[in-house]
Structures are given as C-alpha cells and as structure tokens.
C-alpha cells in the first residue's frame, strides 16, 4: 500500500516549464525549442526567523515567493526562446540597448513591476471603491441608504468579480493558456507524489489538477478576508485616496491571516478545510488546464531534484 502524506514541496508554472521548491532545493525545468528539457537546480538557504513565526511569516513569504517566482518566470522566457530567430530590433530598442547595456533587463523588470503594482491597485482597490460609490449614489437617487457594512460587502464582491473576469480573459490568450496547462501539470505531479505513486507520466495523468495550497486559492482568500476585516474597521468612504492608503496599511494583516488559513487547508482534510478550499478550487478551473505528456514531463523533471534525501523530511 502506497504511503500517503502532505508534502511541503510547492511550485509555479513558468513559460514552457515548471518551477518546484522543496525544503532544501529549488529547481526549474523548461522545454527548449529543440525539444530537450533544461533543468536548473540550486540549494536554498535556511529560512530566517521572521519566515517561520505564525502570523508574521505570511507577508514575508508572500513577497519572497513573488520576487523569486518573477525571476524564474523571466529566466524561463529566455530559455524557451534559445535558438529562436528574433525580429530585427527597432531603433528605440537599439537605443535602449546602447544606453543601458547589461542593465537593460533589470530596468525592464523594475518598470514591469511598477506597472504591475499600479494595475493591481487600480483594478482591486481604486476601481471597486469608485464603483461602490457610484452604486451608493444611484441608490441615493431612489431614496435608499446603504450602510458602511453593505458598502464594504459590495466592494468585496466587485473585487472578486474583477478577479474572476481577469483570470477568465487571460485564459483566452494562447500563451497564457499554455502556462495554465503547465500549472495543471505542477498540481497533478504534487498530487501524485502525495498519493505515494511513482512519478511517471501515466501515474501523474490520473490525478486531479486542483490543489488546496494553490496561489489562486490564496488570492481568493485575501479578497474574501478583506471583506471581513474592512467591515470590522471603519475605513472612510468620503476620501478614496485615504481609503486606498489605509487599506494598503492593513494589507499585511490580511495576508498573514490568509497565509495561515491556506496552510491549514493544505495540511488537513476535513469538512471545515473543504469548505474553505471550495471557492479557490472552483476558480482553479480557470487557472489550470489539463496538461499534455510533454508538460507533465517538465513538472516531473522539476519536482524530482526537490525530493529530500531523507525520506519524510518534506512532510507538511
């Protein structure tokens, strides 16, 4: 009988590949244009104290994983384009290369990060608040008053709606859809390992592509918990700029709570954790797709180096 257990090993889908992170080793496997799988692995440094203490570790681990994931994503994009003929660079691109040289990619990453943060603030903080104010004004025209608690609930529902629509629209893009297929391969590989089955393509294909520790579930928890937290604390509605600023200040608290909940959901399997995980698992129907054999091979190649030498050292 195969031994079943929950593992600490987690991962992320990349451009034409998968990244896996274990307790001691991190690895990424990328399918090159030649058809070969390029595997890169590196040892991890022991986590600092602030990444271990409950309700403190959440924001730190979240930021570190975002930065680390972005670096791997950028590296996988470069690897997946090795040997592929690119278009002749424009005059502007040549000018940037001449001026910045080796620093060009670093600058591009910083600019992309700033734009990403601005987009996130606009979509998930400013736009929902503006929409809620519009709904409140419309209700006032009909003589209906809306309490701050109801406003907060409306704002939270709008955030979740935007989140689901954003994911659904990105899934229509061919490249993003392939990334979602690698996401499915990552989940299925972890599920296969946790079930105690040998890591073969045929075995991995049998398992579910949804996993309770997924980043998609984590993001949904952040949005849902924000509704509860902001309904308990009075955040002014008359000044949207101040409201967004205060919400940013409270965000680390929300991330901390969501992080601890997602860890519990990944560790235990009971009626409570199933209820907690259900919405996130449903949204994973958008962020994961059934992978093909070649994508599963990549996920397995990234996973194997992360398995600790000491059996059971990665148990959750």
Protein backbone atom coordinates (compact mmCIF):
# COMPACT_ATOMS: atom_id res chain seq x y z
CA UNK A 1 0.00 0.00 0.00
CA UNK A 2 1.47 3.36 -1.03
CA UNK A 3 2.07 5.81 1.81
CA UNK A 4 0.02 9.00 1.53
CA UNK A 5 1.10 12.28 3.13
CA UNK A 6 1.11 16.05 2.62
CA UNK A 7 4.36 17.49 1.27
CA UNK A 8 5.96 20.90 1.73
CA UNK A 9 7.02 20.91 -1.91
CA UNK A 10 5.17 23.50 -3.95
CA UNK A 11 5.61 25.07 -7.34
CA UNK A 12 4.72 27.57 -10.01
CA UNK A 13 4.02 27.40 -13.71
CA UNK A 14 6.55 29.15 -15.94
CA UNK A 15 6.88 29.96 -19.63
CA UNK A 16 7.13 26.48 -21.20
CA UNK A 17 8.11 24.97 -17.87
CA UNK A 18 7.60 24.50 -14.14
CA UNK A 19 9.42 25.63 -11.01
CA UNK A 20 9.34 23.49 -7.84
CA UNK A 21 10.52 24.45 -4.37
CA UNK A 22 11.34 21.90 -1.68
CA UNK A 23 12.62 22.29 1.88
CA UNK A 24 16.28 22.24 0.76
CA UNK A 25 16.38 22.54 -3.05
CA UNK A 26 14.62 24.61 -5.69
CA UNK A 27 14.52 23.59 -9.33
CA UNK A 28 13.05 24.69 -12.63
CA UNK A 29 12.57 22.67 -15.81
CA UNK A 30 11.96 24.40 -19.14
CA UNK A 31 11.20 22.85 -22.52
CA UNK A 32 13.70 24.28 -25.00
CA UNK A 33 12.83 24.92 -28.68
CA UNK A 34 14.98 21.88 -29.50
CA UNK A 35 12.58 19.69 -27.52
CA UNK A 36 15.03 18.98 -24.70
CA UNK A 37 14.21 19.73 -21.06
CA UNK A 38 16.64 22.15 -19.41
CA UNK A 39 16.78 21.52 -15.64
CA UNK A 40 18.40 24.02 -13.30
CA UNK A 41 18.55 23.49 -9.54
CA UNK A 42 20.06 25.33 -6.60
CA UNK A 43 20.29 24.88 -2.83
CA UNK A 44 18.13 27.01 -0.58
CA UNK A 45 19.41 28.91 2.43
CA UNK A 46 17.73 28.20 5.80
CA UNK A 47 14.73 30.49 6.33
CA UNK A 48 15.14 33.41 8.72
CA UNK A 49 13.13 33.53 11.96
CA UNK A 50 10.60 36.01 10.54
CA UNK A 51 9.68 33.50 7.83
CA UNK A 52 8.78 30.82 10.39
CA UNK A 53 6.68 32.50 13.11
CA UNK A 54 2.89 32.19 12.51
CA UNK A 55 1.09 35.45 11.63
CA UNK A 56 4.45 37.13 10.99
CA UNK A 57 5.77 34.86 8.23
CA UNK A 58 2.85 35.38 5.82
CA UNK A 59 3.71 38.78 4.28
CA UNK A 60 7.45 37.98 4.15
CA UNK A 61 6.95 34.59 2.48
CA UNK A 62 4.43 36.12 0.08
CA UNK A 63 6.83 38.87 -1.04
CA UNK A 64 9.81 36.49 -1.30
CA UNK A 65 7.80 33.99 -3.34
CA UNK A 66 6.56 36.76 -5.66
CA UNK A 67 10.09 38.07 -6.29
CA UNK A 68 11.51 34.57 -6.67
CA UNK A 69 8.68 33.50 -8.97
CA UNK A 70 9.12 36.56 -11.17
CA UNK A 71 12.84 35.86 -11.56
CA UNK A 72 12.16 32.24 -12.55
CA UNK A 73 9.44 33.39 -14.95
CA UNK A 74 11.83 35.81 -16.65
CA UNK A 75 14.57 33.17 -16.83
CA UNK A 76 12.17 30.60 -18.32
CA UNK A 77 11.13 33.08 -21.00
CA UNK A 78 14.77 33.49 -22.02
CA UNK A 79 15.40 29.73 -22.03
CA UNK A 80 12.28 28.94 -24.05
CA UNK A 81 13.45 31.33 -26.78
CA UNK A 82 17.00 29.97 -27.09
CA UNK A 83 17.93 29.45 -30.73
CA UNK A 84 14.74 31.09 -32.00
CA UNK A 85 15.32 33.79 -34.58
CA UNK A 86 14.02 37.12 -33.32
CA UNK A 87 12.79 40.10 -35.30
CA UNK A 88 15.14 42.94 -36.14
CA UNK A 89 15.16 45.29 -33.11
CA UNK A 90 13.57 48.70 -33.61
CA UNK A 91 15.51 51.96 -33.36
CA UNK A 92 14.11 52.52 -29.89
CA UNK A 93 15.21 49.04 -28.77
CA UNK A 94 18.68 49.63 -30.19
CA UNK A 95 18.85 52.98 -28.38
CA UNK A 96 17.87 51.36 -25.08
CA UNK A 97 20.49 48.62 -25.55
CA UNK A 98 23.20 51.18 -26.32
CA UNK A 99 22.31 53.34 -23.31
CA UNK A 100 21.65 50.65 -20.69
CA UNK A 101 23.73 47.70 -21.91
CA UNK A 102 23.65 44.79 -19.44
CA UNK A 103 21.33 46.76 -17.14
CA UNK A 104 18.52 46.69 -19.70
CA UNK A 105 16.75 43.58 -18.34
CA UNK A 106 16.99 44.86 -14.76
CA UNK A 107 15.38 48.15 -15.79
CA UNK A 108 12.67 46.33 -17.74
CA UNK A 109 11.90 44.16 -14.69
CA UNK A 110 11.62 47.23 -12.44
CA UNK A 111 9.34 49.04 -14.89
CA UNK A 112 7.19 45.92 -15.34
CA UNK A 113 6.92 45.51 -11.55
CA UNK A 114 5.87 49.15 -11.08
CA UNK A 115 3.26 48.86 -13.83
CA UNK A 116 2.02 45.58 -12.33
CA UNK A 117 1.60 47.14 -8.89
CA UNK A 118 -0.17 50.16 -10.41
CA UNK A 119 -2.53 47.85 -12.34
CA UNK A 120 -3.27 45.82 -9.20
CA UNK A 121 -4.01 48.98 -7.17
CA UNK A 122 -6.23 50.32 -9.92
CA UNK A 123 -8.18 47.11 -10.52
CA UNK A 124 -8.56 45.80 -6.98
CA UNK A 125 -8.60 48.93 -4.82
CA UNK A 126 -9.44 52.09 -6.74
CA UNK A 127 -11.94 50.71 -9.28
CA UNK A 128 -14.06 48.72 -6.73
CA UNK A 129 -14.19 51.75 -4.42
CA UNK A 130 -15.27 54.02 -7.29
CA UNK A 131 -17.88 51.50 -8.44
CA UNK A 132 -19.24 51.19 -4.90
CA UNK A 133 -19.52 54.97 -4.59
CA UNK A 134 -21.39 55.01 -7.89
CA UNK A 135 -23.83 52.32 -6.69
CA UNK A 136 -24.33 54.26 -3.42
CA UNK A 137 -25.07 57.47 -5.34
CA UNK A 138 -27.52 55.61 -7.61
CA UNK A 139 -29.29 54.10 -4.60
CA UNK A 140 -29.49 57.56 -3.01
CA UNK A 141 -31.36 58.84 -6.08
CA UNK A 142 -34.12 56.35 -5.23
CA UNK A 143 -34.08 57.30 -1.56
CA UNK A 144 -32.21 54.16 -0.47
CA UNK A 145 -29.46 54.44 2.12
CA UNK A 146 -26.58 51.96 2.18
CA UNK A 147 -24.67 51.28 5.38
CA UNK A 148 -20.87 51.13 5.50
CA UNK A 149 -21.05 47.37 6.13
CA UNK A 150 -23.12 46.82 2.98
CA UNK A 151 -20.77 49.10 1.02
CA UNK A 152 -17.81 47.00 2.15
CA UNK A 153 -19.59 43.81 1.07
CA UNK A 154 -20.44 45.32 -2.33
CA UNK A 155 -16.84 46.44 -2.78
CA UNK A 156 -15.57 42.96 -1.89
CA UNK A 157 -17.95 41.26 -4.32
CA UNK A 158 -16.82 43.63 -7.09
CA UNK A 159 -13.18 42.73 -6.34
CA UNK A 160 -13.92 39.02 -6.62
CA UNK A 161 -15.88 39.60 -9.83
CA UNK A 162 -12.95 41.55 -11.35
CA UNK A 163 -10.53 38.83 -10.23
CA UNK A 164 -12.55 36.05 -11.85
CA UNK A 165 -13.11 38.04 -15.05
CA UNK A 166 -9.42 38.94 -15.27
CA UNK A 167 -8.40 35.29 -14.97
CA UNK A 168 -11.07 34.21 -17.46
CA UNK A 169 -9.97 36.78 -20.04
CA UNK A 170 -6.27 35.93 -19.72
CA UNK A 171 -7.13 32.26 -20.30
CA UNK A 172 -8.26 33.23 -23.81
CA UNK A 173 -4.66 34.11 -24.73
CA UNK A 174 -2.80 31.19 -26.29
CA UNK A 175 0.46 31.68 -24.35
CA UNK A 176 -1.32 32.13 -21.02
CA UNK A 177 -3.44 29.06 -21.69
CA UNK A 178 -0.26 27.01 -22.14
CA UNK A 179 1.03 28.40 -18.84
CA UNK A 180 -2.22 27.27 -17.21
CA UNK A 181 -1.59 23.80 -18.67
CA UNK A 182 1.82 23.75 -17.00
CA UNK A 183 0.04 24.90 -13.83
CA UNK A 184 -2.15 21.82 -14.09
CA UNK A 185 0.94 19.63 -14.61
CA UNK A 186 2.50 21.10 -11.47
CA UNK A 187 -0.57 20.32 -9.34
CA UNK A 188 -1.04 16.82 -10.74
CA UNK A 189 2.62 15.96 -10.10
CA UNK A 190 2.42 17.09 -6.47
CA UNK A 191 -0.83 15.15 -6.03
CA UNK A 192 0.78 12.02 -7.50
CA UNK A 193 3.72 12.30 -5.10
CA UNK A 194 1.43 12.90 -2.11
CA UNK A 195 -0.57 9.80 -3.06
CA UNK A 196 2.63 7.74 -2.86
CA UNK A 197 2.61 6.80 -6.55
CA UNK A 198 5.72 6.60 -8.70
CA UNK A 199 6.38 9.80 -10.64
CA UNK A 200 5.64 8.65 -14.17
CA UNK A 201 3.64 10.43 -16.83
CA UNK A 202 0.89 7.78 -16.76
CA UNK A 203 0.57 7.96 -12.96
CA UNK A 204 0.53 11.77 -12.88
CA UNK A 205 -2.21 11.93 -15.54
CA UNK A 206 -4.58 10.04 -13.19
CA UNK A 207 -4.53 12.73 -10.51
CA UNK A 208 -6.53 15.91 -10.00
CA UNK A 209 -5.29 19.23 -11.34
CA UNK A 210 -6.75 21.17 -8.39
CA UNK A 211 -4.80 21.65 -5.14
CA UNK A 212 -5.83 23.45 -1.90
CA UNK A 213 -2.40 25.12 -1.48
CA UNK A 214 -2.58 26.85 -4.86
CA UNK A 215 -1.76 30.55 -5.20
CA UNK A 216 -5.16 31.06 -6.86
CA UNK A 217 -6.88 29.89 -3.67
CA UNK A 218 -4.57 32.12 -1.64
CA UNK A 219 -5.52 35.20 -3.69
CA UNK A 220 -9.23 34.42 -3.30
CA UNK A 221 -8.76 34.10 0.48
CA UNK A 222 -7.08 37.52 0.57
CA UNK A 223 -10.06 39.07 -1.25
CA UNK A 224 -12.62 37.31 0.95
CA UNK A 225 -10.85 38.06 4.24
CA UNK A 226 -10.51 41.72 3.23
CA UNK A 227 -14.33 41.97 3.24
CA UNK A 228 -14.44 40.76 6.85
CA UNK A 229 -11.51 42.87 8.05
CA UNK A 230 -12.69 46.10 6.42
CA UNK A 231 -16.22 45.57 7.78
CA UNK A 232 -14.78 45.48 11.33
CA UNK A 233 -12.64 48.61 10.93
CA UNK A 234 -14.20 51.90 9.85
CA UNK A 235 -12.38 52.99 6.71
CA UNK A 236 -13.66 56.37 5.38
CA UNK A 237 -15.61 56.45 2.12
CA UNK A 238 -15.57 60.20 1.55
CA UNK A 239 -11.85 60.25 0.66
CA UNK A 240 -10.95 57.41 -1.72
CA UNK A 241 -7.22 58.20 -1.72
CA UNK A 242 -7.12 57.93 2.08
CA UNK A 243 -9.22 54.77 1.92
CA UNK A 244 -6.79 53.10 -0.50
CA UNK A 245 -3.82 54.17 1.68
CA UNK A 246 -5.41 52.74 4.85
CA UNK A 247 -6.26 49.51 3.04
CA UNK A 248 -2.64 49.17 1.96
CA UNK A 249 -1.58 49.56 5.60
CA UNK A 250 -3.98 46.79 6.67
CA UNK A 251 -3.00 44.50 3.76
CA UNK A 252 -0.13 42.75 5.66
CA UNK A 253 -2.62 41.71 8.36
CA UNK A 254 -4.96 40.25 5.73
CA UNK A 255 -2.09 38.41 4.02
CA UNK A 256 -0.99 36.98 7.39
CA UNK A 257 -4.45 35.58 8.11
CA UNK A 258 -4.86 34.19 4.59
CA UNK A 259 -1.43 32.55 4.73
CA UNK A 260 -2.19 30.67 7.94
CA UNK A 261 -5.58 29.55 6.62
CA UNK A 262 -4.13 28.27 3.34
CA UNK A 263 -1.51 26.30 5.28
CA UNK A 264 -4.24 24.70 7.40
CA UNK A 265 -6.27 23.90 4.29
CA UNK A 266 -3.22 22.22 2.75
CA UNK A 267 -2.41 20.24 5.89
CA UNK A 268 -5.80 18.85 6.92
CA UNK A 269 -8.69 17.24 5.06
CA UNK A 270 -11.98 17.71 6.93
CA UNK A 271 -15.33 19.39 6.41
CA UNK A 272 -14.03 22.81 7.54
CA UNK A 273 -10.97 22.83 5.27
CA UNK A 274 -13.08 21.56 2.37
CA UNK A 275 -15.47 24.49 2.81
CA UNK A 276 -12.53 26.91 3.00
CA UNK A 277 -10.89 25.41 -0.09
CA UNK A 278 -14.04 25.05 -2.22
CA UNK A 279 -14.16 28.58 -3.79
CA UNK A 280 -10.43 28.54 -4.59
CA UNK A 281 -10.67 25.06 -6.10
CA UNK A 282 -13.56 26.24 -8.26
CA UNK A 283 -11.55 29.22 -9.56
CA UNK A 284 -8.68 26.82 -10.35
CA UNK A 285 -10.90 25.51 -13.14
CA UNK A 286 -9.87 28.74 -14.89
CA UNK A 287 -6.19 28.90 -13.86
CA UNK A 288 -5.35 25.25 -14.54
CA UNK A 289 -5.84 23.15 -17.69
CA UNK A 290 -5.26 19.51 -18.40
CA UNK A 291 -1.60 19.17 -19.47
CA UNK A 292 -0.16 17.02 -22.22
CA UNK A 293 2.56 14.41 -21.70
CA UNK A 294 5.43 16.78 -22.52
CA UNK A 295 4.24 19.30 -19.93
CA UNK A 296 3.94 16.59 -17.29
CA UNK A 297 7.50 15.50 -18.11
CA UNK A 298 8.68 19.04 -17.33
CA UNK A 299 6.83 19.08 -14.00
CA UNK A 300 8.33 15.72 -13.00
CA UNK A 301 11.82 16.88 -14.03
CA UNK A 302 11.47 19.96 -11.80
CA UNK A 303 9.96 18.00 -8.90
CA UNK A 304 12.48 15.14 -8.56
CA UNK A 305 15.50 17.30 -7.53
CA UNK A 306 13.37 18.83 -4.73
CA UNK A 307 12.67 15.49 -3.00
CA UNK A 308 14.86 15.43 0.13
CA UNK A 309 17.40 12.64 0.56
CA UNK A 310 15.99 11.84 3.98
CA UNK A 311 12.62 10.18 3.47
CA UNK A 312 9.77 12.14 5.02
CA UNK A 313 11.83 15.29 5.61
CA UNK A 314 9.39 17.20 3.42
CA UNK A 315 6.25 16.16 5.30
CA UNK A 316 3.95 19.08 5.92
